């Protein structure tokens, strides 16, 4: 549905789950970024990627922080 229409997720307390419905009164087309999804992820996580065993977070998990 989301590939052809704007949608919204609405909580249904009776079912304890979300319903996906067509969103109302949206008359514009989305503006998609020029970057690929992979490029956006790299940009968004640039400073927080754990890429080696000497990374601060890995050292913290191992209990060997200087």
PDB file of N, CA and C in Angstrom:
ATOM      1  N   UNK A   1       0.822  -1.194   0.000  1.00  0.00           N
ATOM      2  CA  UNK A   1       0.000   0.000   0.000  1.00  0.00           C
ATOM      3  C   UNK A   1       0.869   1.262   0.000  1.00  0.00           C
ATOM      4  N   UNK A   2       1.958   1.229   0.768  1.00  0.00           N
ATOM      5  CA  UNK A   2       2.816   2.404   0.893  1.00  0.00           C
ATOM      6  C   UNK A   2       3.601   2.692  -0.381  1.00  0.00           C
ATOM      7  N   UNK A   3       3.627   1.751  -1.315  1.00  0.00           N
ATOM      8  CA  UNK A   3       4.328   1.993  -2.569  1.00  0.00           C
ATOM      9  C   UNK A   3       3.506   2.858  -3.513  1.00  0.00           C
ATOM     10  N   UNK A   4       2.223   2.952  -3.285  1.00  0.00           N
ATOM     11  CA  UNK A   4       1.373   3.731  -4.185  1.00  0.00           C
ATOM     12  C   UNK A   4       0.653   4.875  -3.492  1.00  0.00           C
ATOM     13  N   UNK A   5       0.478   4.825  -2.173  1.00  0.00           N
ATOM     14  CA  UNK A   5      -0.274   5.844  -1.437  1.00  0.00           C
ATOM     15  C   UNK A   5       0.491   6.278  -0.196  1.00  0.00           C
ATOM     16  N   UNK A   6       0.181   7.487   0.268  1.00  0.00           N
ATOM     17  CA  UNK A   6       0.657   7.902   1.577  1.00  0.00           C
ATOM     18  C   UNK A   6      -0.099   7.075   2.607  1.00  0.00           C
ATOM     19  N   UNK A   7       0.598   6.588   3.615  1.00  0.00           N
ATOM     20  CA  UNK A   7      -0.056   5.770   4.643  1.00  0.00           C
ATOM     21  C   UNK A   7       0.246   6.321   6.027  1.00  0.00           C
ATOM     22  N   UNK A   8      -0.544   5.874   6.966  1.00  0.00           N
ATOM     23  CA  UNK A   8      -0.302   6.194   8.372  1.00  0.00           C
ATOM     24  C   UNK A   8      -0.568   4.938   9.187  1.00  0.00           C
ATOM     25  N   UNK A   9       0.146   4.828  10.287  1.00  0.00           N
ATOM     26  CA  UNK A   9      -0.062   3.710  11.201  1.00  0.00           C
ATOM     27  C   UNK A   9      -0.876   4.229  12.381  1.00  0.00           C
ATOM     28  N   UNK A  10      -1.991   3.557  12.650  1.00  0.00           N
ATOM     29  CA  UNK A  10      -2.911   3.984  13.703  1.00  0.00           C
ATOM     30  C   UNK A  10      -3.063   2.848  14.701  1.00  0.00           C
ATOM     31  N   UNK A  11      -2.850   3.155  15.979  1.00  0.00           N
ATOM     32  CA  UNK A  11      -2.951   2.148  17.029  1.00  0.00           C
ATOM     33  C   UNK A  11      -4.409   1.723  17.218  1.00  0.00           C
ATOM     34  N   UNK A  12      -4.624   0.434  17.287  1.00  0.00           N
ATOM     35  CA  UNK A  12      -5.952  -0.132  17.549  1.00  0.00           C
ATOM     36  C   UNK A  12      -5.892  -0.836  18.896  1.00  0.00           C
ATOM     37  N   UNK A  13      -6.411  -0.201  19.957  1.00  0.00           N
ATOM     38  CA  UNK A  13      -6.295  -0.792  21.295  1.00  0.00           C
ATOM     39  C   UNK A  13      -7.067  -2.107  21.434  1.00  0.00           C
ATOM     40  N   UNK A  14      -8.109  -2.307  20.630  1.00  0.00           N
ATOM     41  CA  UNK A  14      -8.864  -3.556  20.722  1.00  0.00           C
ATOM     42  C   UNK A  14      -8.043  -4.750  20.237  1.00  0.00           C
ATOM     43  N   UNK A  15      -7.253  -4.535  19.181  1.00  0.00           N
ATOM     44  CA  UNK A  15      -6.408  -5.605  18.650  1.00  0.00           C
ATOM     45  C   UNK A  15      -5.034  -5.622  19.303  1.00  0.00           C
ATOM     46  N   UNK A  16      -4.663  -4.498  19.951  1.00  0.00           N
ATOM     47  CA  UNK A  16      -3.329  -4.401  20.520  1.00  0.00           C
ATOM     48  C   UNK A  16      -2.268  -4.358  19.434  1.00  0.00           C
ATOM     49  N   UNK A  17      -2.604  -3.725  18.321  1.00  0.00           N
ATOM     50  CA  UNK A  17      -1.710  -3.693  17.165  1.00  0.00           C
ATOM     51  C   UNK A  17      -2.009  -2.435  16.354  1.00  0.00           C
ATOM     52  N   UNK A  18      -1.165  -2.178  15.359  1.00  0.00           N
ATOM     53  CA  UNK A  18      -1.370  -1.027  14.490  1.00  0.00           C
ATOM     54  C   UNK A  18      -2.135  -1.420  13.237  1.00  0.00           C
ATOM     55  N   UNK A  19      -2.958  -0.511  12.742  1.00  0.00           N
ATOM     56  CA  UNK A  19      -3.592  -0.640  11.442  1.00  0.00           C
ATOM     57  C   UNK A  19      -2.874   0.296  10.484  1.00  0.00           C
ATOM     58  N   UNK A  20      -2.625  -0.157   9.284  1.00  0.00           N
ATOM     59  CA  UNK A  20      -2.049   0.701   8.255  1.00  0.00           C
ATOM     60  C   UNK A  20      -3.196   1.185   7.390  1.00  0.00           C
ATOM     61  N   UNK A  21      -3.334   2.510   7.318  1.00  0.00           N
ATOM     62  CA  UNK A  21      -4.442   3.111   6.583  1.00  0.00           C
ATOM     63  C   UNK A  21      -3.906   4.143   5.607  1.00  0.00           C
ATOM     64  N   UNK A  22      -4.692   4.437   4.590  1.00  0.00           N
ATOM     65  CA  UNK A  22      -4.332   5.511   3.663  1.00  0.00           C
ATOM     66  C   UNK A  22      -4.456   6.836   4.396  1.00  0.00           C
ATOM     67  N   UNK A  23      -3.402   7.644   4.346  1.00  0.00           N
ATOM     68  CA  UNK A  23      -3.420   8.952   4.991  1.00  0.00           C
ATOM     69  C   UNK A  23      -4.312   9.892   4.175  1.00  0.00           C
ATOM     70  N   UNK A  24      -4.995  10.782   4.854  1.00  0.00           N
ATOM     71  CA  UNK A  24      -5.932  11.684   4.192  1.00  0.00           C
ATOM     72  C   UNK A  24      -5.306  13.043   3.938  1.00  0.00           C
ATOM     73  N   UNK A  25      -5.767  13.688   2.896  1.00  0.00           N
ATOM     74  CA  UNK A  25      -5.457  15.089   2.579  1.00  0.00           C
ATOM     75  C   UNK A  25      -3.977  15.365   2.334  1.00  0.00           C
ATOM     76  N   UNK A  26      -3.252  14.418   1.776  1.00  0.00           N
ATOM     77  CA  UNK A  26      -1.874  14.673   1.366  1.00  0.00           C
ATOM     78  C   UNK A  26      -1.871  14.675  -0.158  1.00  0.00           C
ATOM     79  N   UNK A  27      -1.665  15.847  -0.721  1.00  0.00           N
ATOM     80  CA  UNK A  27      -1.779  16.003  -2.163  1.00  0.00           C
ATOM     81  C   UNK A  27      -0.454  16.318  -2.842  1.00  0.00           C
ATOM     82  N   UNK A  28       0.649  16.022  -2.180  1.00  0.00           N
ATOM     83  CA  UNK A  28       1.960  16.308  -2.763  1.00  0.00           C
ATOM     84  C   UNK A  28       2.721  15.008  -2.974  1.00  0.00           C
ATOM     85  N   UNK A  29       3.618  15.018  -3.899  1.00  0.00           N
ATOM     86  CA  UNK A  29       4.493  13.878  -4.130  1.00  0.00           C
ATOM     87  C   UNK A  29       5.685  13.977  -3.188  1.00  0.00           C
ATOM     88  N   UNK A  30       6.226  12.858  -2.726  1.00  0.00           N
ATOM     89  CA  UNK A  30       7.392  12.917  -1.832  1.00  0.00           C
ATOM     90  C   UNK A  30       8.624  13.422  -2.566  1.00  0.00           C
ATOM     91  N   UNK A  31       9.529  14.035  -1.821  1.00  0.00           N
ATOM     92  CA  UNK A  31      10.813  14.471  -2.352  1.00  0.00           C
ATOM     93  C   UNK A  31      11.848  13.476  -1.860  1.00  0.00           C
ATOM     94  N   UNK A  32      12.390  12.681  -2.767  1.00  0.00           N
ATOM     95  CA  UNK A  32      13.343  11.646  -2.406  1.00  0.00           C
ATOM     96  C   UNK A  32      14.757  12.198  -2.469  1.00  0.00           C
ATOM     97  N   UNK A  33      15.645  11.783  -1.565  1.00  0.00           N
ATOM     98  CA  UNK A  33      17.030  12.245  -1.600  1.00  0.00           C
ATOM     99  C   UNK A  33      17.760  11.692  -2.822  1.00  0.00           C
ATOM    100  N   UNK A  34      18.791  12.410  -3.245  1.00  0.00           N
ATOM    101  CA  UNK A  34      19.589  11.969  -4.388  1.00  0.00           C
ATOM    102  C   UNK A  34      20.550  10.848  -3.997  1.00  0.00           C
ATOM    103  N   UNK A  35      20.961  10.828  -2.722  1.00  0.00           N
ATOM    104  CA  UNK A  35      21.895   9.820  -2.246  1.00  0.00           C
ATOM    105  C   UNK A  35      21.204   8.464  -2.139  1.00  0.00           C
ATOM    106  N   UNK A  36      22.002   7.419  -2.275  1.00  0.00           N
ATOM    107  CA  UNK A  36      21.452   6.076  -2.102  1.00  0.00           C
ATOM    108  C   UNK A  36      21.218   5.821  -0.610  1.00  0.00           C
ATOM    109  N   UNK A  37      20.443   4.785  -0.316  1.00  0.00           N
ATOM    110  CA  UNK A  37      20.185   4.426   1.078  1.00  0.00           C
ATOM    111  C   UNK A  37      21.491   4.110   1.794  1.00  0.00           C
ATOM    112  N   UNK A  38      22.397   3.413   1.102  1.00  0.00           N
ATOM    113  CA  UNK A  38      23.696   3.075   1.691  1.00  0.00           C
ATOM    114  C   UNK A  38      24.488   4.334   2.025  1.00  0.00           C
ATOM    115  N   UNK A  39      24.476   5.323   1.137  1.00  0.00           N
ATOM    116  CA  UNK A  39      25.186   6.572   1.398  1.00  0.00           C
ATOM    117  C   UNK A  39      24.575   7.311   2.597  1.00  0.00           C
ATOM    118  N   UNK A  40      23.258   7.291   2.695  1.00  0.00           N
ATOM    119  CA  UNK A  40      22.600   7.950   3.819  1.00  0.00           C
ATOM    120  C   UNK A  40      22.949   7.271   5.136  1.00  0.00           C
ATOM    121  N   UNK A  41      23.004   5.936   5.143  1.00  0.00           N
ATOM    122  CA  UNK A  41      23.392   5.218   6.355  1.00  0.00           C
ATOM    123  C   UNK A  41      24.830   5.539   6.750  1.00  0.00           C
ATOM    124  N   UNK A  42      25.736   5.546   5.779  1.00  0.00           N
ATOM    125  CA  UNK A  42      27.137   5.868   6.085  1.00  0.00           C
ATOM    126  C   UNK A  42      27.252   7.270   6.659  1.00  0.00           C
ATOM    127  N   UNK A  43      26.516   8.203   6.112  1.00  0.00           N
ATOM    128  CA  UNK A  43      26.546   9.575   6.602  1.00  0.00           C
ATOM    129  C   UNK A  43      25.963   9.668   8.011  1.00  0.00           C
ATOM    130  N   UNK A  44      24.840   8.998   8.233  1.00  0.00           N
ATOM    131  CA  UNK A  44      24.171   9.065   9.527  1.00  0.00           C
ATOM    132  C   UNK A  44      24.927   8.377  10.646  1.00  0.00           C
ATOM    133  N   UNK A  45      25.685   7.335  10.317  1.00  0.00           N
ATOM    134  CA  UNK A  45      26.405   6.571  11.330  1.00  0.00           C
ATOM    135  C   UNK A  45      27.913   6.760  11.241  1.00  0.00           C
ATOM    136  N   UNK A  46      28.364   7.819  10.597  1.00  0.00           N
ATOM    137  CA  UNK A  46      29.787   8.016  10.345  1.00  0.00           C
ATOM    138  C   UNK A  46      30.647   7.949  11.603  1.00  0.00           C
ATOM    139  N   UNK A  47      30.180   8.520  12.689  1.00  0.00           N
ATOM    140  CA  UNK A  47      30.994   8.585  13.902  1.00  0.00           C
ATOM    141  C   UNK A  47      30.707   7.463  14.891  1.00  0.00           C
ATOM    142  N   UNK A  48      29.809   6.551  14.558  1.00  0.00           N
ATOM    143  CA  UNK A  48      29.426   5.524  15.523  1.00  0.00           C
ATOM    144  C   UNK A  48      29.558   4.100  14.986  1.00  0.00           C
ATOM    145  N   UNK A  49      30.264   3.913  13.916  1.00  0.00           N
ATOM    146  CA  UNK A  49      30.459   2.571  13.370  1.00  0.00           C
ATOM    147  C   UNK A  49      31.608   1.889  14.103  1.00  0.00           C
ATOM    148  N   UNK A  50      31.342   0.706  14.639  1.00  0.00           N
ATOM    149  CA  UNK A  50      32.373  -0.089  15.300  1.00  0.00           C
ATOM    150  C   UNK A  50      33.039  -0.930  14.220  1.00  0.00           C
ATOM    151  N   UNK A  51      34.270  -0.564  13.871  1.00  0.00           N
ATOM    152  CA  UNK A  51      34.914  -1.228  12.734  1.00  0.00           C
ATOM    153  C   UNK A  51      36.226  -1.936  13.079  1.00  0.00           C
ATOM    154  N   UNK A  52      36.586  -1.962  14.365  1.00  0.00           N
ATOM    155  CA  UNK A  52      37.784  -2.700  14.754  1.00  0.00           C
ATOM    156  C   UNK A  52      37.743  -3.013  16.245  1.00  0.00           C
ATOM    157  N   UNK A  53      38.619  -3.915  16.669  1.00  0.00           N
ATOM    158  CA  UNK A  53      38.601  -4.357  18.074  1.00  0.00           C
ATOM    159  C   UNK A  53      39.154  -3.320  19.040  1.00  0.00           C
ATOM    160  N   UNK A  54      39.783  -2.268  18.533  1.00  0.00           N
ATOM    161  CA  UNK A  54      40.288  -1.200  19.398  1.00  0.00           C
ATOM    162  C   UNK A  54      39.292  -0.056  19.558  1.00  0.00           C
ATOM    163  N   UNK A  55      38.108  -0.204  18.964  1.00  0.00           N
ATOM    164  CA  UNK A  55      37.076   0.826  19.099  1.00  0.00           C
ATOM    165  C   UNK A  55      36.729   0.992  20.579  1.00  0.00           C
ATOM    166  N   UNK A  56      36.444   2.219  20.990  1.00  0.00           N
ATOM    167  CA  UNK A  56      36.147   2.531  22.381  1.00  0.00           C
ATOM    168  C   UNK A  56      35.052   1.636  22.953  1.00  0.00           C
ATOM    169  N   UNK A  57      33.975   1.435  22.199  1.00  0.00           N
ATOM    170  CA  UNK A  57      32.857   0.651  22.704  1.00  0.00           C
ATOM    171  C   UNK A  57      33.244  -0.817  22.931  1.00  0.00           C
ATOM    172  N   UNK A  58      34.027  -1.380  22.027  1.00  0.00           N
ATOM    173  CA  UNK A  58      34.477  -2.771  22.186  1.00  0.00           C
ATOM    174  C   UNK A  58      35.375  -2.868  23.414  1.00  0.00           C
ATOM    175  N   UNK A  59      36.264  -1.908  23.581  1.00  0.00           N
ATOM    176  CA  UNK A  59      37.151  -1.903  24.747  1.00  0.00           C
ATOM    177  C   UNK A  59      36.334  -1.772  26.036  1.00  0.00           C
ATOM    178  N   UNK A  60      35.285  -0.959  25.994  1.00  0.00           N
ATOM    179  CA  UNK A  60      34.424  -0.792  27.172  1.00  0.00           C
ATOM    180  C   UNK A  60      33.715  -2.109  27.494  1.00  0.00           C
ATOM    181  N   UNK A  61      33.180  -2.779  26.483  1.00  0.00           N
ATOM    182  CA  UNK A  61      32.511  -4.066  26.706  1.00  0.00           C
ATOM    183  C   UNK A  61      33.470  -5.103  27.286  1.00  0.00           C
ATOM    184  N   UNK A  62      34.704  -5.071  26.851  1.00  0.00           N
ATOM    185  CA  UNK A  62      35.711  -6.041  27.313  1.00  0.00           C
ATOM    186  C   UNK A  62      36.301  -5.645  28.662  1.00  0.00           C
ATOM    187  N   UNK A  63      36.000  -4.440  29.148  1.00  0.00           N
ATOM    188  CA  UNK A  63      36.507  -3.977  30.438  1.00  0.00           C
ATOM    189  C   UNK A  63      37.968  -3.574  30.404  1.00  0.00           C
ATOM    190  N   UNK A  64      38.467  -3.131  29.247  1.00  0.00           N
ATOM    191  CA  UNK A  64      39.874  -2.765  29.132  1.00  0.00           C
ATOM    192  C   UNK A  64      40.049  -1.308  28.700  1.00  0.00           C
ATOM    193  N   UNK A  65      39.234  -0.437  29.267  1.00  0.00           N
ATOM    194  CA  UNK A  65      39.359   0.998  28.943  1.00  0.00           C
ATOM    195  C   UNK A  65      40.522   1.569  29.765  1.00  0.00           C
ATOM    196  N   UNK A  66      41.388   2.310  29.070  1.00  0.00           N
ATOM    197  CA  UNK A  66      42.534   2.949  29.735  1.00  0.00           C
ATOM    198  C   UNK A  66      42.088   4.149  30.536  1.00  0.00           C
TER     199      UNK A  66
END
